[in-house]
Amino acid sequence: MPLNTTTITLHVVSASDLDRFVEEVYGTPYCTHAALEARNGDDHAADAVTEHRGFEDPEDPTSPLVSRPGLDPYDQEKLTAWQAGRPGQDPRPEVVLSDLACKGLIPPGRYLIQIRW
């Protein structure tokens, strides 16, 4: 019996290249392995998305969910706090990659981040 698999497009990036690119774009130091609490040799899959799901009426949690462009408000708060230099506020790579995709600087999709040092 064959193993069921699916072929996908996967963008592979080293954590050090991602850190460098993020610092170039935002002007704020970023450390992928610290944001992930990762170890040397780890790989981390992250999705860069350009929209999020939210309630049609943000004040009414019973309203239907709809797609909205941009980052989820919570993720935007994390990104803003990190850019303001608040300690312990490094956003996860999914947040940074999604913001970069929303800015048109990288393609949306799945990324495999390789943690090596």
Protein backbone atom coordinates (compact mmCIF):
# COMPACT_ATOMS: atom_id res chain seq x y z
CA MET A 1 0.00 0.00 0.00
CA PRO A 2 1.55 3.37 -1.01
CA LEU A 3 1.95 6.23 1.42
CA ASN A 4 -0.54 9.01 0.72
CA THR A 5 1.32 12.29 0.22
CA THR A 6 0.57 15.74 -1.13
CA THR A 7 3.00 17.88 -3.11
CA ILE A 8 3.02 21.55 -2.13
CA THR A 9 5.00 24.69 -2.89
CA LEU A 10 7.29 25.40 0.03
CA HIS A 11 9.55 28.44 0.39
CA VAL A 12 12.68 27.40 2.30
CA VAL A 13 14.59 30.13 4.16
CA SER A 14 17.31 30.09 6.78
CA ALA A 15 16.52 31.80 10.07
CA SER A 16 19.58 34.02 9.70
CA ASP A 17 18.46 35.21 6.24
CA LEU A 18 14.96 35.87 7.58
CA ASP A 19 16.37 37.78 10.57
CA ARG A 20 18.53 39.92 8.27
CA PHE A 21 15.65 40.66 5.87
CA VAL A 22 13.22 41.50 8.68
CA GLU A 23 15.73 43.92 10.23
CA GLU A 24 16.28 45.57 6.82
CA VAL A 25 12.54 46.07 6.31
CA TYR A 26 11.52 47.14 9.82
CA GLY A 27 14.75 48.60 11.19
CA THR A 28 14.25 46.51 14.34
CA PRO A 29 16.45 43.53 15.27
CA TYR A 30 14.65 40.20 15.03
CA CYS A 31 15.73 36.74 16.15
CA THR A 32 13.70 33.85 14.75
CA HIS A 33 15.10 31.22 17.09
CA ALA A 34 14.34 33.39 20.13
CA ALA A 35 10.78 34.12 18.93
CA LEU A 36 10.24 30.37 18.52
CA GLU A 37 12.34 29.28 21.50
CA ALA A 38 13.92 26.94 18.96
CA ARG A 39 17.08 24.86 19.08
CA ASN A 40 19.85 24.46 16.55
CA GLY A 41 18.72 22.05 13.85
CA ASP A 42 15.00 22.76 14.23
CA ASP A 43 12.78 23.40 11.22
CA HIS A 44 9.61 25.45 11.58
CA ALA A 45 6.75 25.65 9.09
CA ALA A 46 4.92 29.00 8.93
CA ASP A 47 2.17 30.32 6.69
CA ALA A 48 2.37 33.84 5.27
CA VAL A 49 -1.22 34.94 4.73
CA THR A 50 -2.68 38.22 3.48
CA GLU A 51 -6.07 38.00 5.16
CA HIS A 52 -7.62 36.86 8.42
CA ARG A 53 -11.02 35.68 9.60
CA GLY A 54 -13.04 37.95 11.85
CA PHE A 55 -16.59 38.61 12.92
CA GLU A 56 -18.61 40.62 10.42
CA ASP A 57 -19.50 42.90 13.34
CA PRO A 58 -16.47 42.97 15.69
CA GLU A 59 -18.78 44.00 18.55
CA ASP A 60 -21.08 41.00 18.02
CA PRO A 61 -19.45 37.57 18.50
CA THR A 62 -22.61 35.92 17.13
CA SER A 63 -22.22 37.62 13.74
CA PRO A 64 -20.86 35.49 10.89
CA LEU A 65 -17.14 35.12 10.24
CA VAL A 66 -15.81 36.90 7.17
CA SER A 67 -12.40 37.22 5.50
CA ARG A 68 -10.67 40.55 6.02
CA PRO A 69 -7.47 41.79 4.38
CA GLY A 70 -4.34 42.28 6.47
CA LEU A 71 -3.21 40.97 9.81
CA ASP A 72 -5.47 39.78 12.58
CA PRO A 73 -5.81 42.66 15.12
CA TYR A 74 -4.04 40.61 17.84
CA ASP A 75 -1.13 39.88 15.49
CA GLN A 76 -0.98 43.56 14.52
CA GLU A 77 -0.72 44.47 18.22
CA LYS A 78 2.18 42.01 18.65
CA LEU A 79 3.96 43.47 15.62
CA THR A 80 3.44 47.05 16.81
CA ALA A 81 4.70 46.21 20.32
CA TRP A 82 7.82 44.58 18.89
CA GLN A 83 8.50 47.58 16.62
CA ALA A 84 8.14 49.85 19.66
CA GLY A 85 10.95 47.90 21.32
CA ARG A 86 8.91 46.38 24.14
CA PRO A 87 10.88 43.52 25.72
CA GLY A 88 9.52 40.02 25.24
CA GLN A 89 7.27 41.09 22.38
CA ASP A 90 9.03 39.37 19.47
CA PRO A 91 6.24 38.18 17.17
CA ARG A 92 6.24 34.62 15.88
CA PRO A 93 7.53 34.23 12.31
CA GLU A 94 3.97 33.68 11.01
CA VAL A 95 3.10 37.24 12.02
CA VAL A 96 6.20 38.78 10.45
CA LEU A 97 5.91 36.71 7.27
CA SER A 98 2.22 37.58 6.93
CA ASP A 99 2.94 41.29 7.32
CA LEU A 100 5.71 41.05 4.71
CA ALA A 101 3.28 39.28 2.36
CA CYS A 102 0.63 41.98 2.99
CA LYS A 103 3.25 44.58 2.06
CA GLY A 104 3.97 42.67 -1.18
CA LEU A 105 7.59 42.01 -0.19
CA ILE A 106 7.31 38.21 -0.22
CA PRO A 107 4.81 35.84 -1.81
CA PRO A 108 2.10 34.41 0.43
CA GLY A 109 2.35 30.71 1.12
CA ARG A 110 4.03 28.14 3.32
CA TYR A 111 7.59 28.76 4.51
CA LEU A 112 10.02 26.30 6.06
CA ILE A 113 12.42 28.16 8.33
CA GLN A 114 15.64 26.29 9.03
CA ILE A 115 17.22 27.10 12.39
CA ARG A 116 20.99 26.61 12.12
CA TRP A 117 23.92 28.24 13.88
